[in-house]
Structure formats: structure tokens, C-alpha cells
Amino acid sequence: MKRKPRIRFRYSTKLFLSHLVAVFLVSGSVGTFFYVRAMDNLMRSLQSRLQNSAALLSETIDAQTLDGIQSAADVDQPAYRETLEKVRRVRRTNPDIAFLYVMRRAADGTVTFVVDSDETEGQALPGTAYEDVVPEMLEGFHQPVVDDGLYEDEWGVFLSGYAPLRHGEGRYLVGIDMRANEVRNNLRELRLTGLASLFASVLLALLFALYLSRGLAGRIARIAAHCRDLALGRLNVRIEGRTFDEFDDLAESFNTMGEALGGTRADLEKAIAELKATQQGLEERVEERTRQLRETVEKMDVLRGLLPICCSCKKIRDDQGYWKQVELFVAEHTGARFTHGICPECQLKLYGEIAEGD
């Protein structure tokens, strides 16, 4: 025995869920693609601008003029002051730049400040060691490079770019720390926009799937109801309403089938009525034939019995006591008709002389 499944989903539910999942996947995939592309383009644009800025600035500073700046005692040297004023001027012209500095790498791999554009008490003096050396910074002693992504510390969110100084021979670089708070805000807004777009897509998918599933389920329900009407013999019921799709063809087919069945039933009812009329006529004819046969039998019974007949005139007495000629009595009881003639004996007896003369 085949067991029915415990969970049975209606067609409208399946259609609703399938369209919802399909639209959700498509909108989510498309939204994620554009979000990732927008994030990537934004970061690439910022990194390219930062790398180009560091490369251009590095060409304006000659590393050979900075060899004499080794410690905090060298801050009064003209080369230091000139370089410090140059980097501070660049930083002031670009509000996005938080820190701008020149660094030196020693033979033992340690990295120290040479010039720091910071104008607060936290300014790093020449010879101050830099502890948080990242791989991008080490690479920046040889070629322009920029961080792969944003980093955050106690001073905020930054993106750093590095470029080797002219005549630096891999020992000097200029570094630019660009404030990325605005970039982070833009990324956050972009993320929120993507989420809002995804939510709107899901909502539209929900409404579309609901409308589509209910519409198709309603059409199927109307066709199923029409099939029940046909099964119950209500052949004059039609499927009304147009959907301008294949359901119109299906509904028209059912309407045509109902009309054909109605015509067939009418023909069948007419044939049955004619058959009943024929049967009634046959029954009446049989009854008439039976009655006639019964009467004939009764007449035959009369003729088969003893008939009182006059010995002189040959009249026969009927059941009511009347005397009737033989031919009349037989005609009444058998339906036979008589024609008069004369036998040879009577002819000789009555017309002997005439008969002989002939």
C-alpha cells in the first residue's frame, strides 16, 4: 500500500517559495557583485591617488641632503628645516593627509624617523625608532607602494602610501598617512545601500511571488471546479475571465468539451425519448394485436361449440336468443365475407329445364 507523504505542499506554496528563492538568489548575487565591485573601485581609486601622491613628493626631496640628520640635535640644520617646511606645506594643502614623514632604514634593518610633519607635542624627532614596521613600508624603500587595506589605531582609520626618495638607494622613503574616516563612512553607506537594495529586492520578490502564485493557483482552482461541474453533470457552466496566456486555451478547451458533452447528452436524451415513444407504440400495438387475437379466439370458441341452427331455414341462434342468417353469424364472429353462388345440384333442382337447354 502506497503511503501518502506527511508533508503536502500546495502548488501555490511551491510556486511562491521557488520564485522567492530564485529572485532572492539573483538579486543577492547581483547586489553582492556590484557591492564588491564598488568597494574594490573605491579602494583602488584611493590607493592609486595615495601612491601617486607619495611618488610625486618623493621626487622633490633629495635623500643626499638628509644624511647629516641623525638625531634630535640636528633639528636646527637648514636641510631639516627646509624638508620639514616642505612636508608640512604639502600636508596643509591636503586636509585628508594626517601624517607625512621621511624615514631611514639602517643597515641592521631598524627604521627611524628623519622628518615628521606633526605640529603637536607628539612630533617624532630625528632618530626616533619606528616600531610598527609593516611589509609595505619595507617595500616602499625600493618602489612606490600602498597598504592593501584600511587599518585603525588609536588615532583613527588610515591608509598609508610609501615611495623611495630620489638618490635614496633603498635607505630613505617618504610616507603618507591619509585619513580614511570618510572612506570608511562611504563604505558603510555603500554597505547600507546594498543591504537596503537587497531588502527592497526581497520585498519586491515577495510581492511578485505572492501575486504570481495566487494568480496561477486561482486559475487552476477555477479549472478544477469546472471539472467537478462536468463530472456532476452541470454542463452549462463555463469558465469566465481571460488571462491572455495558455490558461485561456485550456479554459476554452474545457468550455468546448462541456458544450460537446451537452450536445451529446441532448442527442442521447432525444434518442431515449424516441425509443420510449417507439416502445410505447409497440406496446400499444401488441395490446391491440392481443385483444384482436383474444376476440378471434373467443369467436373461434363460439364456432367450435354447439350452434343452434334451424332445420328448416338454417338460421343460427346467438347467445342473446336472436336468430341470424348463417352468413351473418359467421361474418360477425370470424370476420369472413360471403359471396353468393349456386351449386350444381341446386342449379339442376331449381333450373333443371333451363340448365338442360343450355
Protein backbone atom coordinates (compact mmCIF):
# COMPACT_ATOMS: atom_id res chain seq x y z
CA MET A 1 0.00 0.00 0.00
CA LYS A 2 1.39 3.35 -1.03
CA ARG A 3 1.79 5.75 1.85
CA LYS A 4 0.93 9.38 1.47
CA PRO A 5 3.64 11.91 2.35
CA ARG A 6 3.27 13.52 5.74
CA ILE A 7 4.01 16.99 4.43
CA ARG A 8 2.00 18.09 1.42
CA PHE A 9 2.70 21.47 -0.15
CA ARG A 10 0.15 23.08 -2.36
CA TYR A 11 1.18 24.18 -5.83
CA SER A 12 0.76 27.84 -4.88
CA THR A 13 3.14 27.39 -1.93
CA LYS A 14 5.75 25.67 -4.09
CA LEU A 15 5.47 28.35 -6.74
CA PHE A 16 5.70 31.12 -4.15
CA LEU A 17 8.79 29.65 -2.49
CA SER A 18 10.55 28.86 -5.77
CA HIS A 19 10.08 32.39 -7.15
CA LEU A 20 11.04 33.96 -3.84
CA VAL A 21 14.25 31.92 -3.59
CA ALA A 22 15.09 32.50 -7.26
CA VAL A 23 14.65 36.26 -7.07
CA PHE A 24 16.45 36.38 -3.74
CA LEU A 25 19.43 34.48 -5.15
CA VAL A 26 19.56 36.58 -8.29
CA SER A 27 19.18 39.91 -6.50
CA GLY A 28 21.61 38.84 -3.79
CA SER A 29 24.19 37.72 -6.32
CA VAL A 30 23.84 40.85 -8.43
CA GLY A 31 23.82 43.10 -5.37
CA THR A 32 26.88 41.38 -3.91
CA PHE A 33 28.69 41.65 -7.24
CA PHE A 34 28.08 45.38 -7.57
CA TYR A 35 28.85 45.96 -3.90
CA VAL A 36 32.18 44.18 -4.16
CA ARG A 37 32.98 45.99 -7.40
CA ALA A 38 32.11 49.35 -5.89
CA MET A 39 34.22 48.63 -2.80
CA ASP A 40 37.10 47.49 -4.96
CA ASN A 41 36.88 50.51 -7.27
CA LEU A 42 36.72 52.89 -4.33
CA MET A 43 39.76 51.32 -2.67
CA ARG A 44 41.69 51.16 -5.93
CA SER A 45 40.98 54.82 -6.62
CA LEU A 46 42.11 55.83 -3.14
CA GLN A 47 45.22 53.64 -3.27
CA SER A 48 46.17 54.94 -6.73
CA ARG A 49 45.80 58.54 -5.63
CA LEU A 50 47.81 57.94 -2.47
CA GLN A 51 50.57 56.06 -4.28
CA ASN A 52 50.87 58.77 -6.93
CA SER A 53 51.00 61.48 -4.26
CA ALA A 54 53.81 59.67 -2.42
CA ALA A 55 55.71 59.12 -5.68
CA LEU A 56 55.44 62.79 -6.70
CA LEU A 57 56.52 64.04 -3.28
CA SER A 58 59.46 61.66 -3.18
CA GLU A 59 60.86 63.25 -6.35
CA THR A 60 61.00 66.69 -4.66
CA ILE A 61 63.20 65.52 -1.77
CA ASP A 62 66.87 64.62 -2.31
CA ALA A 63 67.94 61.92 0.12
CA GLN A 64 71.59 63.08 0.00
CA THR A 65 70.68 66.29 1.84
CA LEU A 66 69.31 64.23 4.76
CA ASP A 67 72.43 62.16 5.54
CA GLY A 68 73.55 64.65 8.19
CA ILE A 69 70.27 64.46 10.13
CA GLN A 70 70.78 61.66 12.64
CA SER A 71 69.34 62.77 15.99
CA ALA A 72 67.20 65.38 17.72
CA ALA A 73 70.24 67.64 17.94
CA ASP A 74 70.13 68.09 14.17
CA VAL A 75 66.75 69.85 14.05
CA ASP A 76 68.46 73.20 13.56
CA GLN A 77 70.15 72.17 10.36
CA PRO A 78 68.89 74.02 7.25
CA ALA A 79 68.26 70.73 5.41
CA TYR A 80 65.99 69.54 8.21
CA ARG A 81 64.07 72.80 8.42
CA GLU A 82 63.70 73.05 4.67
CA THR A 83 62.44 69.46 4.37
CA LEU A 84 60.14 69.87 7.41
CA GLU A 85 58.61 73.00 5.94
CA LYS A 86 58.10 71.27 2.59
CA VAL A 87 56.27 68.26 4.04
CA ARG A 88 54.18 70.45 6.33
CA ARG A 89 53.17 72.63 3.39
CA VAL A 90 52.06 69.56 1.45
CA ARG A 91 50.12 68.27 4.44
CA ARG A 92 48.37 71.59 4.93
CA THR A 93 47.26 71.75 1.30
CA ASN A 94 45.58 68.34 1.59
CA PRO A 95 43.26 68.00 4.59
CA ASP A 96 42.98 64.26 4.01
CA ILE A 97 46.64 63.77 4.93
CA ALA A 98 47.02 63.12 8.65
CA PHE A 99 50.77 62.46 8.83
CA LEU A 100 53.60 62.95 6.38
CA TYR A 101 57.11 61.81 7.27
CA VAL A 102 60.52 60.78 5.96
CA MET A 103 62.19 57.63 7.31
CA ARG A 104 65.61 55.99 7.13
CA ARG A 105 66.43 52.32 7.28
CA ALA A 106 69.73 51.37 8.91
CA ALA A 107 71.94 48.50 7.90
CA ASP A 108 70.66 46.42 10.79
CA GLY A 109 67.07 46.80 9.50
CA THR A 110 65.85 49.32 12.09
CA VAL A 111 63.66 52.13 10.82
CA THR A 112 63.90 55.62 12.30
CA PHE A 113 62.27 58.99 11.70
CA VAL A 114 64.17 61.69 9.82
CA VAL A 115 61.39 64.29 9.39
CA ASP A 116 57.86 64.23 10.85
CA SER A 117 55.28 66.83 9.75
CA ASP A 118 53.34 66.58 13.04
CA GLU A 119 52.97 70.06 14.57
CA THR A 120 51.93 68.88 18.03
CA GLU A 121 53.92 67.76 21.03
CA GLY A 122 53.72 64.22 19.70
CA GLN A 123 56.07 65.04 16.83
CA ALA A 124 58.69 62.33 16.24
CA LEU A 125 62.20 63.85 16.28
CA PRO A 126 65.03 62.64 14.07
CA GLY A 127 66.48 59.30 15.18
CA THR A 128 63.22 58.14 16.86
CA ALA A 129 62.74 54.44 16.17
CA TYR A 130 59.54 53.30 14.45
CA GLU A 131 58.29 50.09 15.99
CA ASP A 132 55.28 49.09 13.89
CA VAL A 133 57.08 48.31 10.66
CA VAL A 134 54.81 46.64 8.11
CA PRO A 135 55.90 44.76 4.96
CA GLU A 136 54.54 47.52 2.74
CA MET A 137 56.82 50.04 4.41
CA LEU A 138 59.90 47.88 3.83
CA GLU A 139 58.89 47.50 0.19
CA GLY A 140 58.43 51.28 0.00
CA PHE A 141 62.19 51.78 0.36
CA HIS A 142 62.54 50.38 -3.17
CA GLN A 143 59.34 51.26 -5.05
CA PRO A 144 56.07 53.15 -4.60
CA VAL A 145 53.61 51.03 -2.67
CA VAL A 146 50.37 51.43 -0.71
CA ASP A 147 48.66 49.42 2.02
CA ASP A 148 46.32 46.64 0.91
CA GLY A 149 43.53 47.91 3.13
CA LEU A 150 42.47 50.30 5.81
CA TYR A 151 43.93 49.98 9.28
CA GLU A 152 42.71 51.50 12.51
CA ASP A 153 44.68 52.61 15.56
CA GLU A 154 44.23 54.95 18.46
CA TRP A 155 44.44 58.00 16.17
CA GLY A 156 41.79 56.84 13.73
CA VAL A 157 41.42 54.98 10.44
CA PHE A 158 44.22 55.39 7.91
CA LEU A 159 45.60 54.25 4.61
CA SER A 160 49.35 54.64 4.10
CA GLY A 161 51.44 55.02 0.97
CA TYR A 162 55.22 54.91 0.60
CA ALA A 163 57.78 55.85 -2.09
CA PRO A 164 61.61 55.83 -2.10
CA LEU A 165 63.39 59.21 -2.11
CA ARG A 166 65.45 60.37 -5.00
CA HIS A 167 69.06 59.19 -4.57
CA GLY A 168 67.93 57.24 -1.54
CA GLU A 169 69.45 53.93 -2.69
CA GLY A 170 66.91 51.93 -0.73
CA ARG A 171 67.60 53.73 2.57
CA TYR A 172 65.06 56.58 2.55
CA LEU A 173 61.36 56.82 1.91
CA VAL A 174 58.55 59.30 2.27
CA GLY A 175 55.36 58.06 3.92
CA ILE A 176 51.87 59.49 3.79
CA ASP A 177 49.14 58.50 6.23
CA MET A 178 45.82 59.50 4.72
CA ARG A 179 42.75 59.79 6.88
CA ALA A 180 40.24 57.19 5.79
CA ASN A 181 37.38 58.05 8.13
CA GLU A 182 35.46 59.49 5.22
CA VAL A 183 36.29 56.44 3.16
CA ARG A 184 35.06 54.20 5.94
CA ASN A 185 31.88 56.24 6.16
CA ASN A 186 31.44 55.93 2.41
CA LEU A 187 31.98 52.19 2.64
CA ARG A 188 29.48 52.00 5.47
CA GLU A 189 26.95 53.98 3.44
CA LEU A 190 27.63 51.76 0.45
CA ARG A 191 27.10 48.69 2.62
CA LEU A 192 23.85 50.10 4.00
CA THR A 193 22.73 50.97 0.48
CA GLY A 194 23.46 47.43 -0.64
CA LEU A 195 21.51 45.99 2.28
CA ALA A 196 18.61 48.34 1.60
CA SER A 197 18.66 47.34 -2.06
CA LEU A 198 18.71 43.68 -1.10
CA PHE A 199 15.81 44.20 1.29
CA ALA A 200 13.84 46.05 -1.39
CA SER A 201 14.59 43.26 -3.88
CA VAL A 202 13.42 40.63 -1.40
CA LEU A 203 10.27 42.62 -0.70
CA LEU A 204 9.51 43.01 -4.40
CA ALA A 205 10.27 39.31 -4.89
CA LEU A 206 7.86 38.51 -2.07
CA LEU A 207 5.08 40.59 -3.60
CA PHE A 208 5.74 39.30 -7.11
CA ALA A 209 5.87 35.66 -6.00
CA LEU A 210 2.70 36.12 -3.94
CA TYR A 211 0.86 37.73 -6.86
CA LEU A 212 2.05 35.10 -9.33
CA SER A 213 1.36 32.11 -7.09
CA ARG A 214 -2.10 33.31 -6.15
CA GLY A 215 -2.95 34.12 -9.76
CA LEU A 216 -1.88 30.73 -11.09
CA ALA A 217 -3.41 28.87 -8.15
CA GLY A 218 -6.69 30.72 -8.70
CA ARG A 219 -6.77 29.76 -12.37
CA ILE A 220 -6.05 26.13 -11.55
CA ALA A 221 -8.80 26.19 -8.89
CA ARG A 222 -11.33 27.54 -11.42
CA ILE A 223 -10.44 24.82 -13.91
CA ALA A 224 -10.66 22.14 -11.19
CA ALA A 225 -14.09 23.46 -10.14
CA HIS A 226 -15.23 23.33 -13.77
CA CYS A 227 -14.06 19.70 -13.98
CA ARG A 228 -16.16 18.90 -10.90
CA ASP A 229 -19.15 20.60 -12.51
CA LEU A 230 -18.69 18.47 -15.63
CA ALA A 231 -18.41 15.34 -13.51
CA LEU A 232 -21.65 16.25 -11.71
CA GLY A 233 -23.47 16.85 -14.99
CA ARG A 234 -23.59 20.64 -14.88
CA LEU A 235 -22.57 21.02 -18.50
CA ASN A 236 -23.88 24.55 -18.99
CA VAL A 237 -21.28 26.08 -16.63
CA ARG A 238 -18.45 27.97 -18.37
CA ILE A 239 -15.05 29.24 -17.22
CA GLU A 240 -15.24 33.01 -17.46
CA GLY A 241 -12.46 35.57 -17.39
CA ARG A 242 -9.37 35.95 -19.55
CA THR A 243 -5.73 35.69 -18.54
CA PHE A 244 -4.19 36.24 -22.02
CA ASP A 245 -1.93 33.20 -21.76
CA GLU A 246 -2.08 29.42 -22.17
CA PHE A 247 -4.72 29.19 -19.45
CA ASP A 248 -7.15 30.80 -21.90
CA ASP A 249 -6.57 27.90 -24.32
CA LEU A 250 -7.05 25.38 -21.52
CA ALA A 251 -10.23 27.08 -20.29
CA GLU A 252 -11.59 27.28 -23.85
CA SER A 253 -10.86 23.57 -24.31
CA PHE A 254 -12.86 22.75 -21.18
CA ASN A 255 -15.70 25.02 -22.32
CA THR A 256 -15.73 23.32 -25.73
CA MET A 257 -15.72 19.91 -24.06
CA GLY A 258 -18.65 20.94 -21.86
CA GLU A 259 -20.60 22.17 -24.88
CA ALA A 260 -19.82 18.94 -26.77
CA LEU A 261 -20.91 16.84 -23.81
CA GLY A 262 -24.07 18.94 -23.51
CA GLY A 263 -24.88 18.35 -27.18
CA THR A 264 -24.20 14.64 -26.82
CA ARG A 265 -26.42 14.45 -23.77
CA ALA A 266 -29.21 16.29 -25.62
CA ASP A 267 -28.91 13.86 -28.54
CA LEU A 268 -28.94 10.95 -26.12
CA GLU A 269 -32.00 12.27 -24.33
CA LYS A 270 -33.74 12.75 -27.69
CA ALA A 271 -32.84 9.21 -28.75
CA ILE A 272 -34.09 7.86 -25.41
CA ALA A 273 -37.36 9.79 -25.82
CA GLU A 274 -37.80 8.43 -29.34
CA LEU A 275 -37.01 4.93 -28.10
CA LYS A 276 -39.56 5.29 -25.32
CA ALA A 277 -42.15 6.53 -27.84
CA THR A 278 -41.39 3.60 -30.12
CA GLN A 279 -41.63 1.23 -27.20
CA GLN A 280 -44.94 2.73 -26.18
CA GLY A 281 -46.25 2.34 -29.75
CA LEU A 282 -45.06 -1.25 -29.86
CA GLU A 283 -46.73 -1.95 -26.55
CA GLU A 284 -49.98 -0.44 -27.79
CA ARG A 285 -49.76 -2.44 -31.00
CA VAL A 286 -49.05 -5.60 -29.04
CA GLU A 287 -52.01 -4.90 -26.79
CA GLU A 288 -54.19 -4.29 -29.85
CA ARG A 289 -52.98 -7.49 -31.52
CA THR A 290 -53.51 -9.38 -28.28
CA ARG A 291 -57.02 -8.02 -27.96
CA GLN A 292 -57.79 -8.94 -31.55
CA LEU A 293 -56.35 -12.40 -31.07
CA ARG A 294 -58.35 -12.84 -27.91
CA GLU A 295 -61.50 -11.83 -29.73
CA THR A 296 -60.65 -14.17 -32.57
CA VAL A 297 -60.09 -17.00 -30.14
CA GLU A 298 -63.36 -16.22 -28.47
CA LYS A 299 -65.11 -16.29 -31.85
CA MET A 300 -63.36 -19.48 -32.71
CA ASP A 301 -64.52 -20.91 -29.41
CA VAL A 302 -68.03 -19.90 -30.37
CA LEU A 303 -67.73 -21.60 -33.74
CA ARG A 304 -66.07 -24.63 -32.17
CA GLY A 305 -69.02 -25.27 -29.79
CA LEU A 306 -72.63 -26.45 -30.45
CA LEU A 307 -74.56 -23.91 -32.53
CA PRO A 308 -78.39 -23.98 -32.51
CA ILE A 309 -79.48 -24.00 -36.19
CA CYS A 310 -82.96 -24.05 -37.68
CA CYS A 311 -83.63 -27.32 -39.52
CA SER A 312 -85.75 -25.51 -42.00
CA CYS A 313 -84.26 -22.05 -42.79
CA LYS A 314 -80.82 -22.81 -41.41
CA LYS A 315 -80.72 -19.65 -39.22
CA ILE A 316 -78.42 -19.77 -36.17
CA ARG A 317 -79.42 -18.60 -32.70
CA ASP A 318 -76.83 -16.37 -30.91
CA ASP A 319 -76.18 -16.03 -27.18
CA GLN A 320 -78.87 -13.39 -26.85
CA GLY A 321 -81.54 -15.60 -28.38
CA TYR A 322 -81.73 -13.89 -31.79
CA TRP A 323 -81.88 -15.96 -34.98
CA LYS A 324 -79.49 -14.84 -37.67
CA GLN A 325 -78.61 -15.99 -41.11
CA VAL A 326 -75.62 -18.31 -41.22
CA GLU A 327 -73.56 -15.92 -43.30
CA LEU A 328 -74.32 -13.01 -40.94
CA PHE A 329 -73.45 -15.05 -37.87
CA VAL A 330 -70.18 -16.26 -39.31
CA ALA A 331 -69.27 -12.76 -40.52
CA GLU A 332 -69.84 -11.32 -37.04
CA HIS A 333 -67.73 -13.97 -35.32
CA THR A 334 -64.97 -14.60 -37.83
CA GLY A 335 -64.77 -11.52 -39.98
CA ALA A 336 -65.32 -13.64 -43.12
CA ARG A 337 -67.30 -12.18 -46.01
CA PHE A 338 -69.70 -14.19 -48.12
CA THR A 339 -70.40 -14.07 -51.81
CA HIS A 340 -73.44 -15.88 -53.26
CA GLY A 341 -73.26 -18.62 -55.82
CA ILE A 342 -75.20 -21.86 -56.67
CA CYS A 343 -74.06 -25.41 -56.55
CA PRO A 344 -74.71 -27.81 -59.47
CA GLU A 345 -77.25 -29.85 -57.59
CA CYS A 346 -79.31 -26.79 -56.63
CA GLN A 347 -78.94 -25.45 -60.12
CA LEU A 348 -80.30 -28.71 -61.53
CA LYS A 349 -83.00 -28.79 -58.95
CA LEU A 350 -84.14 -25.21 -59.44
CA TYR A 351 -83.32 -24.53 -63.03
CA GLY A 352 -83.24 -28.06 -64.46
CA GLU A 353 -85.03 -27.35 -67.69
CA ILE A 354 -83.07 -24.19 -68.40
CA ALA A 355 -79.82 -25.83 -67.44
CA GLU A 356 -80.51 -28.75 -69.75
CA GLY A 357 -81.44 -26.47 -72.66
CA ASP A 358 -78.10 -24.71 -72.24
